[in-house]
Amino acid sequence: MSGTDERLALSEAGQDKGWQRRENGRVDVYLRARYRVRVIWQGNDVISGASFFDDEMFETYTRDLGKVRAWLKK
């Protein structure tokens, strides 16, 4: 998707679902209730990886941006 800023799009999608986002360099952390999603970016269009936590317990890891979008739709 040339010209698309995936990081911004993900941030907006998360915000629409009530996720709070903190940005620290290449890392975005999304928080909502007992859930946390940590995304590490390579630029603004590709992720290095992402982790999903439920009540501070690690649940799963992915390198698939589509999977991260699904997590933020919860």
PDB file of N, CA and C in Angstrom:
ATOM      1  N   MET A   1       0.840  -1.185   0.000  1.00  0.00           N
ATOM      2  CA  MET A   1       0.000   0.000   0.000  1.00  0.00           C
ATOM      3  C   MET A   1       0.878   1.239   0.000  1.00  0.00           C
ATOM      4  N   SER A   2       1.239   1.664  -1.130  1.00  0.00           N
ATOM      5  CA  SER A   2       2.122   2.809  -1.258  1.00  0.00           C
ATOM      6  C   SER A   2       1.422   4.071  -0.773  1.00  0.00           C
ATOM      7  N   GLY A   3       2.143   4.886  -0.033  1.00  0.00           N
ATOM      8  CA  GLY A   3       1.612   6.140   0.447  1.00  0.00           C
ATOM      9  C   GLY A   3       0.763   6.029   1.707  1.00  0.00           C
ATOM     10  N   THR A   4       0.571   4.836   2.226  1.00  0.00           N
ATOM     11  CA  THR A   4      -0.249   4.649   3.417  1.00  0.00           C
ATOM     12  C   THR A   4       0.646   4.624   4.650  1.00  0.00           C
ATOM     13  N   ASP A   5       0.269   5.368   5.656  1.00  0.00           N
ATOM     14  CA  ASP A   5       0.983   5.364   6.928  1.00  0.00           C
ATOM     15  C   ASP A   5       0.263   4.384   7.845  1.00  0.00           C
ATOM     16  N   GLU A   6       0.730   3.151   7.881  1.00  0.00           N
ATOM     17  CA  GLU A   6       0.067   2.091   8.650  1.00  0.00           C
ATOM     18  C   GLU A   6       0.070   2.390  10.145  1.00  0.00           C
ATOM     19  N   ARG A   7       1.115   3.019  10.627  1.00  0.00           N
ATOM     20  CA  ARG A   7       1.198   3.337  12.060  1.00  0.00           C
ATOM     21  C   ARG A   7       0.083   4.298  12.456  1.00  0.00           C
ATOM     22  N   LEU A   8      -0.118   5.314  11.649  1.00  0.00           N
ATOM     23  CA  LEU A   8      -1.182   6.279  11.920  1.00  0.00           C
ATOM     24  C   LEU A   8      -2.549   5.616  11.791  1.00  0.00           C
ATOM     25  N   ALA A   9      -2.731   4.800  10.760  1.00  0.00           N
ATOM     26  CA  ALA A   9      -4.011   4.119  10.556  1.00  0.00           C
ATOM     27  C   ALA A   9      -4.330   3.199  11.732  1.00  0.00           C
ATOM     28  N   LEU A  10      -3.331   2.477  12.227  1.00  0.00           N
ATOM     29  CA  LEU A  10      -3.540   1.589  13.373  1.00  0.00           C
ATOM     30  C   LEU A  10      -3.894   2.394  14.621  1.00  0.00           C
ATOM     31  N   SER A  11      -3.217   3.509  14.799  1.00  0.00           N
ATOM     32  CA  SER A  11      -3.492   4.374  15.942  1.00  0.00           C
ATOM     33  C   SER A  11      -4.927   4.885  15.910  1.00  0.00           C
ATOM     34  N   GLU A  12      -5.383   5.316  14.746  1.00  0.00           N
ATOM     35  CA  GLU A  12      -6.747   5.825  14.616  1.00  0.00           C
ATOM     36  C   GLU A  12      -7.778   4.719  14.839  1.00  0.00           C
ATOM     37  N   ALA A  13      -7.507   3.522  14.297  1.00  0.00           N
ATOM     38  CA  ALA A  13      -8.420   2.396  14.494  1.00  0.00           C
ATOM     39  C   ALA A  13      -8.504   2.019  15.967  1.00  0.00           C
ATOM     40  N   GLY A  14      -7.369   2.025  16.655  1.00  0.00           N
ATOM     41  CA  GLY A  14      -7.364   1.720  18.080  1.00  0.00           C
ATOM     42  C   GLY A  14      -8.120   2.756  18.893  1.00  0.00           C
ATOM     43  N   GLN A  15      -7.913   4.010  18.540  1.00  0.00           N
ATOM     44  CA  GLN A  15      -8.594   5.092  19.245  1.00  0.00           C
ATOM     45  C   GLN A  15     -10.104   4.973  19.083  1.00  0.00           C
ATOM     46  N   ASP A  16     -10.549   4.593  17.887  1.00  0.00           N
ATOM     47  CA  ASP A  16     -11.987   4.421  17.639  1.00  0.00           C
ATOM     48  C   ASP A  16     -12.596   3.348  18.537  1.00  0.00           C
ATOM     49  N   LYS A  17     -11.796   2.367  18.955  1.00  0.00           N
ATOM     50  CA  LYS A  17     -12.282   1.281  19.814  1.00  0.00           C
ATOM     51  C   LYS A  17     -11.994   1.514  21.296  1.00  0.00           C
ATOM     52  N   GLY A  18     -11.471   2.693  21.639  1.00  0.00           N
ATOM     53  CA  GLY A  18     -11.262   3.034  23.042  1.00  0.00           C
ATOM     54  C   GLY A  18      -9.885   2.702  23.597  1.00  0.00           C
ATOM     55  N   TRP A  19      -8.931   2.352  22.738  1.00  0.00           N
ATOM     56  CA  TRP A  19      -7.570   2.061  23.198  1.00  0.00           C
ATOM     57  C   TRP A  19      -6.813   3.363  23.416  1.00  0.00           C
ATOM     58  N   GLN A  20      -6.043   3.427  24.512  1.00  0.00           N
ATOM     59  CA  GLN A  20      -5.141   4.543  24.760  1.00  0.00           C
ATOM     60  C   GLN A  20      -3.770   4.150  24.207  1.00  0.00           C
ATOM     61  N   ARG A  21      -3.098   5.072  23.537  1.00  0.00           N
ATOM     62  CA  ARG A  21      -1.813   4.775  22.903  1.00  0.00           C
ATOM     63  C   ARG A  21      -0.710   5.641  23.507  1.00  0.00           C
ATOM     64  N   ARG A  22       0.407   4.977  23.821  1.00  0.00           N
ATOM     65  CA  ARG A  22       1.645   5.666  24.222  1.00  0.00           C
ATOM     66  C   ARG A  22       2.695   5.344  23.176  1.00  0.00           C
ATOM     67  N   GLU A  23       3.425   6.346  22.765  1.00  0.00           N
ATOM     68  CA  GLU A  23       4.468   6.167  21.758  1.00  0.00           C
ATOM     69  C   GLU A  23       5.818   6.463  22.392  1.00  0.00           C
ATOM     70  N   ASN A  24       6.776   5.572  22.145  1.00  0.00           N
ATOM     71  CA  ASN A  24       8.133   5.764  22.644  1.00  0.00           C
ATOM     72  C   ASN A  24       9.099   5.313  21.553  1.00  0.00           C
ATOM     73  N   GLY A  25       9.495   6.231  20.689  1.00  0.00           N
ATOM     74  CA  GLY A  25      10.383   5.889  19.590  1.00  0.00           C
ATOM     75  C   GLY A  25       9.700   4.956  18.613  1.00  0.00           C
ATOM     76  N   ARG A  26      10.269   3.775  18.425  1.00  0.00           N
ATOM     77  CA  ARG A  26       9.732   2.786  17.490  1.00  0.00           C
ATOM     78  C   ARG A  26       8.630   1.926  18.096  1.00  0.00           C
ATOM     79  N   VAL A  27       8.297   2.157  19.357  1.00  0.00           N
ATOM     80  CA  VAL A  27       7.341   1.288  20.060  1.00  0.00           C
ATOM     81  C   VAL A  27       6.053   2.043  20.381  1.00  0.00           C
ATOM     82  N   ASP A  28       4.927   1.401  20.052  1.00  0.00           N
ATOM     83  CA  ASP A  28       3.612   1.898  20.471  1.00  0.00           C
ATOM     84  C   ASP A  28       3.033   0.894  21.460  1.00  0.00           C
ATOM     85  N   VAL A  29       2.471   1.419  22.541  1.00  0.00           N
ATOM     86  CA  VAL A  29       1.810   0.566  23.530  1.00  0.00           C
ATOM     87  C   VAL A  29       0.360   1.012  23.606  1.00  0.00           C
ATOM     88  N   TYR A  30      -0.533   0.056  23.370  1.00  0.00           N
ATOM     89  CA  TYR A  30      -1.971   0.293  23.427  1.00  0.00           C
ATOM     90  C   TYR A  30      -2.512  -0.331  24.707  1.00  0.00           C
ATOM     91  N   LEU A  31      -3.333   0.444  25.443  1.00  0.00           N
ATOM     92  CA  LEU A  31      -3.894  -0.009  26.715  1.00  0.00           C
ATOM     93  C   LEU A  31      -5.402   0.172  26.710  1.00  0.00           C
ATOM     94  N   ARG A  32      -6.102  -0.842  27.206  1.00  0.00           N
ATOM     95  CA  ARG A  32      -7.546  -0.743  27.418  1.00  0.00           C
ATOM     96  C   ARG A  32      -7.933  -1.800  28.435  1.00  0.00           C
ATOM     97  N   ALA A  33      -8.514  -1.323  29.522  1.00  0.00           N
ATOM     98  CA  ALA A  33      -8.927  -2.211  30.622  1.00  0.00           C
ATOM     99  C   ALA A  33      -7.743  -3.088  31.024  1.00  0.00           C
ATOM    100  N   ARG A  34      -7.897  -4.403  30.968  1.00  0.00           N
ATOM    101  CA  ARG A  34      -6.827  -5.303  31.422  1.00  0.00           C
ATOM    102  C   ARG A  34      -5.905  -5.735  30.282  1.00  0.00           C
ATOM    103  N   TYR A  35      -6.117  -5.192  29.079  1.00  0.00           N
ATOM    104  CA  TYR A  35      -5.350  -5.611  27.908  1.00  0.00           C
ATOM    105  C   TYR A  35      -4.249  -4.621  27.561  1.00  0.00           C
ATOM    106  N   ARG A  36      -3.163  -5.159  27.000  1.00  0.00           N
ATOM    107  CA  ARG A  36      -2.054  -4.327  26.528  1.00  0.00           C
ATOM    108  C   ARG A  36      -1.515  -4.955  25.247  1.00  0.00           C
ATOM    109  N   VAL A  37      -1.272  -4.111  24.256  1.00  0.00           N
ATOM    110  CA  VAL A  37      -0.664  -4.530  22.994  1.00  0.00           C
ATOM    111  C   VAL A  37       0.572  -3.675  22.781  1.00  0.00           C
ATOM    112  N   ARG A  38       1.699  -4.332  22.544  1.00  0.00           N
ATOM    113  CA  ARG A  38       2.975  -3.635  22.328  1.00  0.00           C
ATOM    114  C   ARG A  38       3.426  -3.919  20.897  1.00  0.00           C
ATOM    115  N   VAL A  39       3.608  -2.844  20.111  1.00  0.00           N
ATOM    116  CA  VAL A  39       3.962  -2.970  18.701  1.00  0.00           C
ATOM    117  C   VAL A  39       5.311  -2.300  18.467  1.00  0.00           C
ATOM    118  N   ILE A  40       6.239  -3.015  17.829  1.00  0.00           N
ATOM    119  CA  ILE A  40       7.543  -2.469  17.465  1.00  0.00           C
ATOM    120  C   ILE A  40       7.546  -2.250  15.954  1.00  0.00           C
ATOM    121  N   TRP A  41       7.859  -1.029  15.547  1.00  0.00           N
ATOM    122  CA  TRP A  41       7.766  -0.622  14.152  1.00  0.00           C
ATOM    123  C   TRP A  41       9.135  -0.532  13.472  1.00  0.00           C
ATOM    124  N   GLN A  42       9.133  -0.813  12.167  1.00  0.00           N
ATOM    125  CA  GLN A  42      10.250  -0.519  11.263  1.00  0.00           C
ATOM    126  C   GLN A  42       9.722   0.569  10.342  1.00  0.00           C
ATOM    127  N   GLY A  43       9.998   1.818  10.621  1.00  0.00           N
ATOM    128  CA  GLY A  43       9.376   2.904   9.863  1.00  0.00           C
ATOM    129  C   GLY A  43       7.927   3.024  10.272  1.00  0.00           C
ATOM    130  N   ASN A  44       7.088   3.495   9.337  1.00  0.00           N
ATOM    131  CA  ASN A  44       5.665   3.676   9.654  1.00  0.00           C
ATOM    132  C   ASN A  44       4.764   2.699   8.934  1.00  0.00           C
ATOM    133  N   ASP A  45       5.343   1.747   8.201  1.00  0.00           N
ATOM    134  CA  ASP A  45       4.521   0.857   7.395  1.00  0.00           C
ATOM    135  C   ASP A  45       4.705  -0.625   7.694  1.00  0.00           C
ATOM    136  N   VAL A  46       5.759  -1.002   8.397  1.00  0.00           N
ATOM    137  CA  VAL A  46       6.068  -2.415   8.653  1.00  0.00           C
ATOM    138  C   VAL A  46       6.388  -2.590  10.136  1.00  0.00           C
ATOM    139  N   ILE A  47       5.854  -3.675  10.724  1.00  0.00           N
ATOM    140  CA  ILE A  47       6.168  -3.948  12.127  1.00  0.00           C
ATOM    141  C   ILE A  47       7.262  -5.007  12.221  1.00  0.00           C
ATOM    142  N   SER A  48       8.072  -4.889  13.253  1.00  0.00           N
ATOM    143  CA  SER A  48       9.049  -5.933  13.575  1.00  0.00           C
ATOM    144  C   SER A  48       8.367  -7.061  14.332  1.00  0.00           C
ATOM    145  N   GLY A  49       7.361  -6.702  15.133  1.00  0.00           N
ATOM    146  CA  GLY A  49       6.632  -7.687  15.912  1.00  0.00           C
ATOM    147  C   GLY A  49       5.696  -7.002  16.882  1.00  0.00           C
ATOM    148  N   ALA A  50       4.798  -7.795  17.462  1.00  0.00           N
ATOM    149  CA  ALA A  50       3.832  -7.264  18.421  1.00  0.00           C
ATOM    150  C   ALA A  50       3.482  -8.344  19.434  1.00  0.00           C
ATOM    151  N   SER A  51       3.219  -7.908  20.659  1.00  0.00           N
ATOM    152  CA  SER A  51       2.851  -8.819  21.746  1.00  0.00           C
ATOM    153  C   SER A  51       1.504  -8.405  22.322  1.00  0.00           C
ATOM    154  N   PHE A  52       0.733  -9.403  22.722  1.00  0.00           N
ATOM    155  CA  PHE A  52      -0.568  -9.176  23.339  1.00  0.00           C
ATOM    156  C   PHE A  52      -0.518  -9.689  24.768  1.00  0.00           C
ATOM    157  N   PHE A  53      -0.965  -8.861  25.705  1.00  0.00           N
ATOM    158  CA  PHE A  53      -0.977  -9.213  27.122  1.00  0.00           C
ATOM    159  C   PHE A  53      -2.397  -9.099  27.653  1.00  0.00           C
ATOM    160  N   ASP A  54      -2.796 -10.033  28.491  1.00  0.00           N
ATOM    161  CA  ASP A  54      -4.090 -10.024  29.154  1.00  0.00           C
ATOM    162  C   ASP A  54      -3.819 -10.061  30.649  1.00  0.00           C
ATOM    163  N   ASP A  55      -4.217  -8.991  31.333  1.00  0.00           N
ATOM    164  CA  ASP A  55      -3.996  -8.868  32.774  1.00  0.00           C
ATOM    165  C   ASP A  55      -2.514  -9.056  33.121  1.00  0.00           C
ATOM    166  N   GLU A  56      -1.662  -8.398  32.330  1.00  0.00           N
ATOM    167  CA  GLU A  56      -0.203  -8.400  32.500  1.00  0.00           C
ATOM    168  C   GLU A  56       0.451  -9.763  32.264  1.00  0.00           C
ATOM    169  N   MET A  57      -0.300 -10.714  31.730  1.00  0.00           N
ATOM    170  CA  MET A  57       0.268 -12.030  31.392  1.00  0.00           C
ATOM    171  C   MET A  57       0.433 -12.103  29.883  1.00  0.00           C
ATOM    172  N   PHE A  58       1.644 -12.458  29.435  1.00  0.00           N
ATOM    173  CA  PHE A  58       1.905 -12.597  28.013  1.00  0.00           C
ATOM    174  C   PHE A  58       1.011 -13.671  27.424  1.00  0.00           C
ATOM    175  N   GLU A  59       0.355 -13.347  26.317  1.00  0.00           N
ATOM    176  CA  GLU A  59      -0.537 -14.307  25.669  1.00  0.00           C
ATOM    177  C   GLU A  59       0.027 -14.797  24.341  1.00  0.00           C
ATOM    178  N   THR A  60       0.417 -13.854  23.464  1.00  0.00           N
ATOM    179  CA  THR A  60       0.867 -14.262  22.128  1.00  0.00           C
ATOM    180  C   THR A  60       1.727 -13.184  21.481  1.00  0.00           C
ATOM    181  N   TYR A  61       2.446 -13.597  20.433  1.00  0.00           N
ATOM    182  CA  TYR A  61       3.342 -12.726  19.676  1.00  0.00           C
ATOM    183  C   TYR A  61       3.060 -12.927  18.197  1.00  0.00           C
ATOM    184  N   THR A  62       3.196 -11.863  17.409  1.00  0.00           N
ATOM    185  CA  THR A  62       2.999 -11.976  15.963  1.00  0.00           C
ATOM    186  C   THR A  62       3.877 -10.978  15.224  1.00  0.00           C
ATOM    187  N   ARG A  63       4.103 -11.258  13.955  1.00  0.00           N
ATOM    188  CA  ARG A  63       4.740 -10.307  13.036  1.00  0.00           C
ATOM    189  C   ARG A  63       3.759  -9.893  11.945  1.00  0.00           C
ATOM    190  N   ASP A  64       2.494 -10.255  12.135  1.00  0.00           N
ATOM    191  CA  ASP A  64       1.441  -9.994  11.163  1.00  0.00           C
ATOM    192  C   ASP A  64       0.632  -8.771  11.581  1.00  0.00           C
ATOM    193  N   LEU A  65       0.715  -7.708  10.798  1.00  0.00           N
ATOM    194  CA  LEU A  65      -0.003  -6.477  11.119  1.00  0.00           C
ATOM    195  C   LEU A  65      -1.508  -6.699  11.137  1.00  0.00           C
ATOM    196  N   GLY A  66      -2.004  -7.581  10.291  1.00  0.00           N
ATOM    197  CA  GLY A  66      -3.428  -7.910  10.287  1.00  0.00           C
ATOM    198  C   GLY A  66      -3.892  -8.488  11.612  1.00  0.00           C
ATOM    199  N   LYS A  67      -3.060  -9.290  12.231  1.00  0.00           N
ATOM    200  CA  LYS A  67      -3.382  -9.867  13.538  1.00  0.00           C
ATOM    201  C   LYS A  67      -3.456  -8.775  14.606  1.00  0.00           C
ATOM    202  N   VAL A  68      -2.539  -7.808  14.521  1.00  0.00           N
ATOM    203  CA  VAL A  68      -2.553  -6.691  15.476  1.00  0.00           C
ATOM    204  C   VAL A  68      -3.848  -5.897  15.312  1.00  0.00           C
ATOM    205  N   ARG A  69      -4.255  -5.660  14.075  1.00  0.00           N
ATOM    206  CA  ARG A  69      -5.531  -4.966  13.836  1.00  0.00           C
ATOM    207  C   ARG A  69      -6.686  -5.726  14.492  1.00  0.00           C
ATOM    208  N   ALA A  70      -6.671  -7.047  14.382  1.00  0.00           N
ATOM    209  CA  ALA A  70      -7.723  -7.867  14.992  1.00  0.00           C
ATOM    210  C   ALA A  70      -7.713  -7.716  16.513  1.00  0.00           C
ATOM    211  N   TRP A  71      -6.532  -7.689  17.114  1.00  0.00           N
ATOM    212  CA  TRP A  71      -6.453  -7.500  18.568  1.00  0.00           C
ATOM    213  C   TRP A  71      -7.102  -6.181  18.980  1.00  0.00           C
ATOM    214  N   LEU A  72      -6.843  -5.121  18.210  1.00  0.00           N
ATOM    215  CA  LEU A  72      -7.359  -3.793  18.572  1.00  0.00           C
ATOM    216  C   LEU A  72      -8.845  -3.652  18.273  1.00  0.00           C
ATOM    217  N   LYS A  73      -9.434  -4.585  17.569  1.00  0.00           N
ATOM    218  CA  LYS A  73     -10.878  -4.558  17.312  1.00  0.00           C
ATOM    219  C   LYS A  73     -11.666  -5.150  18.470  1.00  0.00           C
ATOM    220  N   LYS A  74     -10.983  -5.803  19.408  1.00  0.00           N
ATOM    221  CA  LYS A  74     -11.660  -6.432  20.549  1.00  0.00           C
ATOM    222  C   LYS A  74     -12.322  -5.390  21.410  1.00  0.00           C
TER     223      LYS A  74
END
